[in-house]
Amino acid sequence: MRKNSTAALGAALTATLLLAGAAEAGISPQEAAKLGHELTPFGAEKAGNKDGSIPAWDGGLTKALVPSTGPLPADQYPNEKPLFVIDQKNVAQYAGKLSEGQKALIAKYPDYHLTVYPSHRTFAAPQWVYDNDLKNAVNGQLGDNGQSVKGVYGGTPFPMPKSGIELYWNHTLRYVSPSNSYRIQNFTGNSDGSVTMTVSAIDNHQSPYYEQDGSADKWDGEYAFGRLQNVGPAFKAGEMLVIRDSVDPSTPRQAWQYLVGQRRVRRAPTVGYDTPDFVASGANYFDEVFGFWGAPDRYDWKLIGKQEIYVPYNDNAFFQLPSAQALTAHFPNADKLRWELHRVWVVELSLASGKRHVVPKKRVYFDEDSYAALMTDGYDADGKLWRTAYMLPLNVADGGYDFIDTTIVHNLQAGTYSAIEVFNDGYYKNVAPRPDSFFTGDSLASEGVR
């Protein structure tokens, strides 16, 4: 079921402009009035592209077309057939709509390919989020030279982004359900073609930024809480990690880790940036998770523009597979991954003055609709393509509408890959909000066992 509420959005926008004044955030009334009309409530182009291969947004998927009967949301398009496959034989024909990373994977692995399906613009959010999008368009501002935001809450911070750093904040504060829990696994694809499960865990996430009864003036800046409990393999079972993120650069990420062997909780200040991700046996860097995860300060963010490109989208069918069939030698099962043509924002990241990072240059592709990073390419100090990542959106149509992003990171030089937050063999569910104390170091200490 799909819905379109442009009339209500237009009325709400008019009231918002009259009360707040569009000049406060540098967006004119004429610009902001596009939201809910030629633009979607969250600022994407509502119209499709010229040849119809990208459809118009007509409200998104707000109710499942195919009910879920298992622990994960069902494939919403089970009867669709692929349009075509992109591989080594025809890659030149589609090169203009492929990232450099995808072209490199096709060149490196003879069996790697993209299975392309009809495009569906399924992203949606509740009406109260759209109402907040309108307020944010008028009131949202960057602070601390782009390292923080203010005047926003419960929606896209910058529905009409003008810069790369605004797209970073749209990605970081993109819509997710306020509270959820899921069972995931992490895997490493080794250079010899073997695949190793590195972690099996229960992950709990909470988003204070998206509590419906909140507001910009009440919000303390904390936007995401996470608590991960390892249940396997045996030598890692019982380890726990809590993370709290804030938009305030003076209070950077807080993290605590419980180690079973030591039976104590310790601070984990290195969970971020280019620290090897110990949750995935160090096969990727922490800020590669979800496309980009953490503070933006080590890069300058340059907006390149929009591009029509093939990206992973609506990959619910992939997650119905057992993990042994989904994670294959050198790359995930290419026959089962779903790729669609979508418009994306392209942003180039270069090392900021006085900063260091082992990946000094990146290119990030942000979904026009959800603002989630769908692909990234990373370059080494010599300017050579080194790493490429893509995110596999699990569409939760009932109750949440959010895209949860499993992350695949390829090290092109080593011939390895890391699969992070893989839902196959797991579950996803929206849950009632937990108390703030659930996401603290003290809570790990009280629950830790040998």
Protein backbone atom coordinates (compact mmCIF):
# COMPACT_ATOMS: atom_id res chain seq x y z
CA MET A 1 0.00 0.00 0.00
CA ARG A 2 1.35 3.41 -0.92
CA LYS A 3 0.28 6.85 0.10
CA ASN A 4 0.95 10.43 -0.94
CA SER A 5 0.25 13.34 1.37
CA THR A 6 1.45 16.35 -0.60
CA ALA A 7 -1.54 18.52 0.31
CA ALA A 8 -0.98 18.06 4.03
CA LEU A 9 2.72 18.64 3.58
CA GLY A 10 2.12 21.86 1.70
CA ALA A 11 -0.17 23.20 4.42
CA ALA A 12 2.30 22.26 7.13
CA LEU A 13 5.11 23.93 5.21
CA THR A 14 3.21 27.20 4.89
CA ALA A 15 2.57 27.29 8.62
CA THR A 16 6.18 26.47 9.39
CA LEU A 17 7.51 29.23 7.15
CA LEU A 18 5.22 31.80 8.69
CA LEU A 19 6.21 30.86 12.24
CA ALA A 20 9.94 30.35 11.82
CA GLY A 21 11.09 32.33 8.81
CA ALA A 22 13.06 30.62 6.07
CA ALA A 23 16.00 33.01 6.19
CA GLU A 24 17.17 31.53 9.53
CA ALA A 25 18.74 28.54 7.78
CA GLY A 26 19.50 30.21 4.47
CA ILE A 27 16.66 28.46 2.61
CA SER A 28 14.22 30.78 0.89
CA PRO A 29 10.46 30.22 1.11
CA GLN A 30 10.48 29.50 -2.62
CA GLU A 31 13.05 26.74 -2.18
CA ALA A 32 11.45 25.18 0.87
CA ALA A 33 8.03 25.18 -0.80
CA LYS A 34 9.28 22.50 -3.20
CA LEU A 35 9.14 19.91 -0.42
CA GLY A 36 6.10 17.72 -0.86
CA HIS A 37 5.54 18.99 -4.41
CA GLU A 38 8.24 18.53 -7.04
CA LEU A 39 10.45 17.19 -4.26
CA THR A 40 9.59 14.41 -1.83
CA PRO A 41 9.10 15.31 1.85
CA PHE A 42 12.77 14.42 2.43
CA GLY A 43 14.06 16.39 -0.55
CA ALA A 44 14.56 13.89 -3.36
CA GLU A 45 13.32 14.53 -6.89
CA LYS A 46 9.79 13.17 -6.94
CA ALA A 47 9.76 12.60 -10.70
CA GLY A 48 11.37 9.63 -12.37
CA ASN A 49 14.08 9.95 -14.98
CA LYS A 50 13.50 10.66 -18.67
CA ASP A 51 13.34 7.07 -19.93
CA GLY A 52 11.32 5.76 -16.98
CA SER A 53 14.01 3.38 -15.76
CA ILE A 54 13.88 5.23 -12.42
CA PRO A 55 10.23 5.60 -11.40
CA ALA A 56 8.57 8.53 -9.69
CA TRP A 57 8.31 8.38 -5.89
CA ASP A 58 4.65 7.85 -5.01
CA GLY A 59 4.80 7.59 -1.24
CA GLY A 60 7.14 4.64 -0.80
CA LEU A 61 6.42 1.25 0.66
CA THR A 62 4.52 1.83 3.90
CA LYS A 63 2.91 -1.58 4.20
CA ALA A 64 4.39 -4.90 3.19
CA LEU A 65 3.19 -6.19 -0.19
CA VAL A 66 4.21 -9.69 0.91
CA PRO A 67 3.66 -10.48 4.62
CA SER A 68 6.58 -11.85 6.57
CA THR A 69 6.21 -15.42 7.81
CA GLY A 70 9.73 -15.83 9.16
CA PRO A 71 12.14 -13.92 11.37
CA LEU A 72 13.09 -11.44 8.62
CA PRO A 73 11.00 -9.20 6.32
CA ALA A 74 9.94 -11.07 3.21
CA ASP A 75 11.01 -10.40 -0.36
CA GLN A 76 8.53 -7.81 -1.60
CA TYR A 77 9.02 -8.64 -5.29
CA PRO A 78 9.25 -12.44 -5.45
CA ASN A 79 7.88 -12.74 -9.00
CA GLU A 80 10.13 -10.19 -10.67
CA LYS A 81 12.72 -11.37 -13.16
CA PRO A 82 16.10 -9.69 -13.77
CA LEU A 83 16.27 -7.17 -16.58
CA PHE A 84 19.86 -8.07 -17.46
CA VAL A 85 23.24 -9.00 -15.99
CA ILE A 86 26.37 -6.83 -16.10
CA ASP A 87 29.61 -8.82 -16.34
CA GLN A 88 32.98 -8.80 -18.08
CA LYS A 89 31.37 -9.31 -21.49
CA ASN A 90 29.22 -6.17 -21.47
CA VAL A 91 30.67 -3.95 -18.74
CA ALA A 92 31.71 -1.27 -21.25
CA GLN A 93 28.07 -0.84 -22.27
CA TYR A 94 27.09 0.13 -18.71
CA ALA A 95 30.32 1.77 -17.52
CA GLY A 96 28.73 5.22 -17.21
CA LYS A 97 26.35 3.90 -14.56
CA LEU A 98 28.87 1.92 -12.52
CA SER A 99 31.14 3.02 -9.68
CA GLU A 100 34.89 2.55 -10.09
CA GLY A 101 34.72 -0.09 -7.36
CA GLN A 102 32.14 -2.17 -9.21
CA LYS A 103 34.12 -1.99 -12.43
CA ALA A 104 37.21 -3.11 -10.51
CA LEU A 105 35.38 -6.11 -9.01
CA ILE A 106 34.09 -7.14 -12.44
CA ALA A 107 37.62 -6.88 -13.86
CA LYS A 108 39.20 -8.80 -10.96
CA TYR A 109 36.78 -11.72 -10.67
CA PRO A 110 35.54 -13.39 -13.89
CA ASP A 111 32.40 -14.70 -12.16
CA TYR A 112 31.46 -11.42 -10.48
CA HIS A 113 28.39 -9.71 -11.94
CA LEU A 114 25.51 -7.39 -11.16
CA THR A 115 22.00 -8.83 -11.52
CA VAL A 116 19.84 -5.82 -12.36
CA TYR A 117 16.11 -5.66 -11.57
CA PRO A 118 13.37 -3.06 -12.10
CA SER A 119 13.80 -0.09 -9.80
CA HIS A 120 11.44 0.55 -6.89
CA ARG A 121 11.63 3.70 -4.76
CA THR A 122 10.43 2.03 -1.58
CA PHE A 123 11.88 4.32 1.07
CA ALA A 124 9.27 5.93 3.34
CA ALA A 125 8.90 7.29 6.86
CA PRO A 126 5.95 8.09 9.15
CA GLN A 127 4.09 11.37 8.70
CA TRP A 128 5.52 12.86 11.89
CA VAL A 129 9.01 12.44 10.41
CA TYR A 130 7.93 14.31 7.28
CA ASP A 131 6.56 17.09 9.50
CA ASN A 132 9.98 17.31 11.14
CA ASP A 133 11.67 17.37 7.73
CA LEU A 134 9.79 20.59 7.03
CA LYS A 135 10.88 22.14 10.32
CA ASN A 136 14.47 21.06 9.76
CA ALA A 137 14.52 22.60 6.27
CA VAL A 138 13.76 25.97 7.85
CA ASN A 139 15.69 25.72 11.11
CA GLY A 140 18.58 23.32 10.47
CA GLN A 141 22.08 24.78 10.62
CA LEU A 142 25.64 23.52 10.64
CA GLY A 143 27.78 24.28 13.67
CA ASP A 144 31.48 24.00 14.56
CA ASN A 145 32.56 24.44 10.93
CA GLY A 146 30.29 21.59 9.84
CA GLN A 147 31.27 19.23 12.65
CA SER A 148 27.87 19.52 14.37
CA VAL A 149 24.26 20.43 13.63
CA LYS A 150 21.65 22.45 15.48
CA GLY A 151 17.99 23.30 15.14
CA VAL A 152 17.07 19.82 13.87
CA TYR A 153 15.24 16.82 15.25
CA GLY A 154 13.46 13.66 14.17
CA GLY A 155 13.93 13.96 10.43
CA THR A 156 16.35 14.68 7.59
CA PRO A 157 18.54 17.54 8.86
CA PHE A 158 19.00 19.14 5.43
CA PRO A 159 16.24 18.02 3.03
CA MET A 160 17.72 20.27 0.35
CA PRO A 161 21.46 19.59 0.76
CA LYS A 162 23.89 22.12 -0.66
CA SER A 163 27.20 20.59 0.46
CA GLY A 164 28.96 17.33 1.07
CA ILE A 165 29.00 17.78 4.84
CA GLU A 166 25.22 18.26 4.84
CA LEU A 167 24.91 14.92 3.06
CA TYR A 168 27.11 13.37 5.74
CA TRP A 169 24.65 14.60 8.38
CA ASN A 170 21.67 13.40 6.35
CA HIS A 171 23.26 9.95 6.23
CA THR A 172 24.25 9.95 9.89
CA LEU A 173 20.82 11.12 11.06
CA ARG A 174 18.80 9.22 8.43
CA TYR A 175 15.47 7.74 9.45
CA VAL A 176 15.60 4.51 11.41
CA SER A 177 13.04 2.98 13.74
CA PRO A 178 13.50 4.34 17.26
CA SER A 179 14.30 0.97 18.84
CA ASN A 180 15.14 -2.42 17.36
CA SER A 181 16.94 -5.68 18.05
CA TYR A 182 18.45 -8.18 15.65
CA ARG A 183 20.65 -11.24 15.40
CA ILE A 184 23.58 -10.87 13.00
CA GLN A 185 26.82 -12.52 11.97
CA ASN A 186 30.08 -11.12 10.61
CA PHE A 187 32.15 -13.03 8.07
CA THR A 188 35.55 -12.74 6.44
CA GLY A 189 36.05 -13.88 2.86
CA ASN A 190 39.66 -15.01 2.62
CA SER A 191 41.97 -14.75 -0.39
CA ASP A 192 41.93 -18.55 -0.87
CA GLY A 193 38.14 -18.47 -1.35
CA SER A 194 37.20 -19.75 2.10
CA VAL A 195 34.68 -17.88 4.25
CA THR A 196 35.01 -17.65 8.04
CA MET A 197 32.36 -16.59 10.53
CA THR A 198 34.07 -14.15 12.90
CA VAL A 199 31.18 -13.12 15.16
CA SER A 200 27.60 -14.12 15.90
CA ALA A 201 25.86 -11.51 17.98
CA ILE A 202 22.66 -9.93 19.22
CA ASP A 203 22.63 -6.25 18.32
CA ASN A 204 20.40 -3.68 19.99
CA HIS A 205 20.03 -0.18 18.58
CA GLN A 206 18.16 2.84 19.86
CA SER A 207 17.79 6.26 18.25
CA PRO A 208 17.02 9.07 20.70
CA TYR A 209 16.91 11.46 17.73
CA TYR A 210 13.78 9.65 16.49
CA GLU A 211 11.74 9.50 19.66
CA GLN A 212 8.37 10.78 18.48
CA ASP A 213 7.62 12.94 21.51
CA GLY A 214 10.96 14.77 21.36
CA SER A 215 11.89 18.11 19.85
CA ALA A 216 14.97 20.10 18.85
CA ASP A 217 14.95 22.18 22.01
CA LYS A 218 14.71 19.09 24.27
CA TRP A 219 17.23 16.91 22.42
CA ASP A 220 20.67 16.63 24.10
CA GLY A 221 22.53 15.74 20.90
CA GLU A 222 22.88 11.98 21.44
CA TYR A 223 21.53 10.33 18.32
CA ALA A 224 22.42 6.63 18.47
CA PHE A 225 22.94 3.97 21.14
CA GLY A 226 24.21 0.49 20.34
CA ARG A 227 24.76 -2.59 22.43
CA LEU A 228 26.24 -5.74 20.92
CA GLN A 229 26.52 -9.07 22.75
CA ASN A 230 28.59 -11.83 21.17
CA VAL A 231 27.10 -15.32 21.31
CA GLY A 232 29.70 -17.01 19.14
CA PRO A 233 32.16 -18.35 18.26
CA ALA A 234 32.89 -19.94 21.62
CA PHE A 235 36.07 -17.99 22.36
CA LYS A 236 34.23 -14.68 21.88
CA ALA A 237 30.89 -15.61 23.48
CA GLY A 238 29.94 -13.26 26.28
CA GLU A 239 31.93 -10.26 25.04
CA MET A 240 29.87 -7.09 24.92
CA LEU A 241 30.23 -3.61 23.46
CA VAL A 242 28.21 -0.44 24.12
CA ILE A 243 28.47 2.68 21.95
CA ARG A 244 26.85 6.10 22.33
CA ASP A 245 27.14 8.75 19.61
CA SER A 246 26.50 12.50 19.82
CA VAL A 247 26.50 15.34 17.31
CA ASP A 248 28.55 17.44 19.74
CA PRO A 249 32.25 17.21 18.81
CA SER A 250 33.19 18.14 22.39
CA THR A 251 31.62 14.85 23.53
CA PRO A 252 32.89 12.33 20.97
CA ARG A 253 31.85 8.70 20.73
CA GLN A 254 31.71 6.89 24.05
CA ALA A 255 32.37 3.14 23.99
CA TRP A 256 32.79 0.42 26.60
CA GLN A 257 33.84 -3.20 26.09
CA TYR A 258 33.32 -6.18 28.39
CA LEU A 259 36.01 -8.87 28.06
CA VAL A 260 35.12 -12.27 29.46
CA GLY A 261 38.68 -13.35 30.19
CA GLN A 262 39.35 -10.25 32.28
CA ARG A 263 35.84 -10.12 33.77
CA ARG A 264 35.87 -6.36 33.63
CA VAL A 265 34.58 -3.43 31.59
CA ARG A 266 37.02 -1.08 30.00
CA ARG A 267 36.72 2.04 27.90
CA ALA A 268 37.16 1.45 24.17
CA PRO A 269 38.26 4.82 22.77
CA THR A 270 39.61 3.33 19.52
CA VAL A 271 36.19 2.22 18.22
CA GLY A 272 36.15 4.56 15.24
CA TYR A 273 37.99 6.04 12.28
CA ASP A 274 40.63 3.75 10.71
CA THR A 275 41.06 1.41 13.67
CA PRO A 276 40.71 -2.19 12.42
CA ASP A 277 37.26 -3.45 13.37
CA PHE A 278 37.87 -6.07 16.06
CA VAL A 279 34.20 -7.13 15.86
CA ALA A 280 35.07 -8.38 12.35
CA SER A 281 38.56 -9.70 13.17
CA GLY A 282 40.13 -6.52 11.80
CA ALA A 283 39.16 -7.20 8.18
CA ASN A 284 37.74 -3.68 7.75
CA TYR A 285 38.04 -0.30 9.45
CA PHE A 286 35.40 0.91 11.87
CA ASP A 287 34.39 3.93 9.78
CA GLU A 288 33.70 1.67 6.78
CA VAL A 289 30.70 0.12 8.52
CA PHE A 290 27.34 1.34 7.08
CA GLY A 291 29.29 3.17 4.35
CA PHE A 292 30.52 5.75 6.84
CA TRP A 293 30.19 5.45 10.59
CA GLY A 294 31.50 8.04 13.01
CA ALA A 295 32.77 11.59 13.12
CA PRO A 296 33.48 13.46 9.84
CA ASP A 297 36.43 15.57 10.99
CA ARG A 298 39.29 13.72 9.28
CA TYR A 299 38.02 14.55 5.80
CA ASP A 300 36.95 17.49 3.69
CA TRP A 301 33.59 16.68 2.09
CA LYS A 302 33.19 17.91 -1.49
CA LEU A 303 29.82 17.57 -3.21
CA ILE A 304 30.32 16.35 -6.79
CA GLY A 305 26.63 16.15 -7.79
CA LYS A 306 23.98 13.59 -8.65
CA GLN A 307 24.38 10.53 -10.82
CA GLU A 308 22.22 7.68 -12.04
CA ILE A 309 24.00 4.53 -10.97
CA TYR A 310 23.38 0.84 -10.28
CA VAL A 311 23.26 0.23 -6.53
CA PRO A 312 22.11 -2.57 -4.22
CA TYR A 313 18.45 -2.01 -3.30
CA ASN A 314 15.52 -3.95 -1.83
CA ASP A 315 17.74 -6.95 -1.07
CA ASN A 316 15.28 -8.81 1.16
CA ALA A 317 15.47 -11.94 -1.02
CA PHE A 318 19.22 -12.23 -0.42
CA PHE A 319 18.69 -12.39 3.34
CA GLN A 320 16.31 -15.34 3.04
CA LEU A 321 19.28 -17.53 2.04
CA PRO A 322 21.25 -19.57 4.58
CA SER A 323 24.52 -17.78 5.21
CA ALA A 324 26.48 -20.67 3.65
CA GLN A 325 24.72 -19.95 0.33
CA ALA A 326 24.78 -16.16 0.67
CA LEU A 327 28.51 -15.70 1.40
CA THR A 328 30.55 -17.39 -1.31
CA ALA A 329 34.18 -17.35 -2.43
CA HIS A 330 35.59 -13.84 -3.03
CA PHE A 331 32.20 -12.07 -2.95
CA PRO A 332 28.58 -12.56 -1.82
CA ASN A 333 26.36 -14.70 -4.06
CA ALA A 334 26.08 -12.47 -7.12
CA ASP A 335 23.13 -14.43 -8.52
CA LYS A 336 21.06 -13.52 -5.45
CA LEU A 337 21.99 -9.87 -4.91
CA ARG A 338 19.52 -7.36 -6.31
CA TRP A 339 20.80 -4.21 -8.06
CA GLU A 340 18.61 -1.34 -9.26
CA LEU A 341 19.16 1.96 -11.06
CA HIS A 342 18.77 4.91 -8.69
CA ARG A 343 19.87 8.52 -8.41
CA VAL A 344 22.60 9.07 -5.86
CA TRP A 345 24.47 12.03 -4.43
CA VAL A 346 28.22 11.67 -5.06
CA VAL A 347 30.60 13.13 -2.46
CA GLU A 348 34.40 13.08 -2.58
CA LEU A 349 36.34 12.86 0.68
CA SER A 350 39.93 14.09 0.90
CA LEU A 351 42.18 14.21 3.92
CA ALA A 352 41.62 17.34 5.99
CA SER A 353 44.54 19.57 6.87
CA GLY A 354 46.52 18.23 9.81
CA LYS A 355 44.61 14.92 9.88
CA ARG A 356 45.67 11.37 9.12
CA HIS A 357 43.80 8.32 7.84
CA VAL A 358 45.05 5.15 6.15
CA VAL A 359 42.46 5.71 3.41
CA PRO A 360 43.25 9.33 2.42
CA LYS A 361 40.63 9.62 -0.32
CA LYS A 362 37.13 8.22 -0.67
CA ARG A 363 34.11 8.59 -2.89
CA VAL A 364 30.72 7.99 -1.26
CA TYR A 365 27.39 7.39 -3.05
CA PHE A 366 24.38 8.46 -0.96
CA ASP A 367 20.88 7.25 -1.86
CA GLU A 368 18.71 10.14 -3.07
CA ASP A 369 15.71 8.92 -1.08
CA SER A 370 16.95 7.46 2.22
CA TYR A 371 20.32 9.32 2.28
CA ALA A 372 21.96 6.03 3.30
CA ALA A 373 25.45 5.51 1.88
CA LEU A 374 25.00 2.69 -0.63
CA MET A 375 28.56 2.41 -1.98
CA THR A 376 32.03 3.75 -1.20
CA ASP A 377 35.37 3.61 -2.97
CA GLY A 378 38.62 4.09 -1.03
CA TYR A 379 42.02 5.07 -2.49
CA ASP A 380 45.53 4.57 -1.10
CA ALA A 381 48.23 7.21 -0.69
CA ASP A 382 49.30 6.69 -4.33
CA GLY A 383 45.80 7.40 -5.56
CA LYS A 384 45.11 3.78 -6.50
CA LEU A 385 41.75 2.19 -5.84
CA TRP A 386 42.26 -0.01 -2.79
CA ARG A 387 38.92 -0.71 -1.16
CA THR A 388 35.33 -0.75 -2.28
CA ALA A 389 32.21 -1.28 -0.21
CA TYR A 390 28.51 -1.65 -0.85
CA MET A 391 25.58 -1.81 1.53
CA LEU A 392 22.66 -4.23 1.18
CA PRO A 393 19.41 -2.59 2.29
CA LEU A 394 16.92 -4.75 4.17
CA ASN A 395 13.57 -3.02 3.70
CA VAL A 396 11.37 -3.15 6.81
CA ALA A 397 8.03 -2.05 5.41
CA ASP A 398 5.78 -2.73 8.40
CA GLY A 399 6.24 -0.50 11.42
CA GLY A 400 9.67 0.89 10.68
CA TYR A 401 10.08 1.54 6.94
CA ASP A 402 13.81 1.82 7.55
CA PHE A 403 16.69 0.41 5.57
CA ILE A 404 19.16 -1.58 7.66
CA ASP A 405 22.49 -1.76 5.90
CA THR A 406 24.57 -4.91 5.82
CA THR A 407 28.05 -3.84 4.71
CA ILE A 408 30.38 -5.64 2.29
CA VAL A 409 33.95 -4.28 2.21
CA HIS A 410 36.38 -5.57 -0.44
CA ASN A 411 40.14 -5.18 -0.13
CA LEU A 412 40.96 -5.24 -3.83
CA GLN A 413 44.71 -5.57 -3.32
CA ALA A 414 44.52 -8.46 -0.82
CA GLY A 415 41.63 -10.24 -2.54
CA THR A 416 39.60 -10.45 0.69
CA TYR A 417 36.22 -9.18 1.80
CA SER A 418 34.42 -8.47 5.04
CA ALA A 419 30.66 -8.99 5.47
CA ILE A 420 29.35 -6.99 8.42
CA GLU A 421 25.95 -7.20 10.15
CA VAL A 422 24.71 -10.06 7.97
CA PHE A 423 21.08 -10.95 8.75
CA ASN A 424 21.04 -14.38 7.10
CA ASP A 425 20.23 -17.03 9.73
CA GLY A 426 19.19 -14.18 12.06
CA TYR A 427 16.16 -12.04 12.86
CA TYR A 428 15.01 -8.42 12.96
CA LYS A 429 12.32 -6.91 15.16
CA ASN A 430 11.20 -3.50 16.37
CA VAL A 431 11.04 -3.42 20.16
CA ALA A 432 9.90 -1.10 22.94
CA PRO A 433 12.53 1.48 23.93
CA ARG A 434 14.94 0.36 26.62
CA PRO A 435 15.96 2.62 29.52
CA ASP A 436 18.97 4.82 28.93
CA SER A 437 20.89 2.79 31.52
CA PHE A 438 20.79 -0.27 29.22
CA PHE A 439 23.36 1.45 27.00
CA THR A 440 26.06 2.17 29.59
CA GLY A 441 29.31 0.64 30.74
CA ASP A 442 27.76 -0.01 34.14
CA SER A 443 25.12 -2.22 32.55
CA LEU A 444 27.84 -4.39 31.02
CA ALA A 445 29.53 -4.77 34.38
CA SER A 446 26.33 -5.89 36.04
CA GLU A 447 25.50 -8.47 33.37
CA GLY A 448 28.95 -9.78 32.49
CA VAL A 449 29.62 -13.45 33.16
CA ARG A 450 32.58 -15.75 32.61
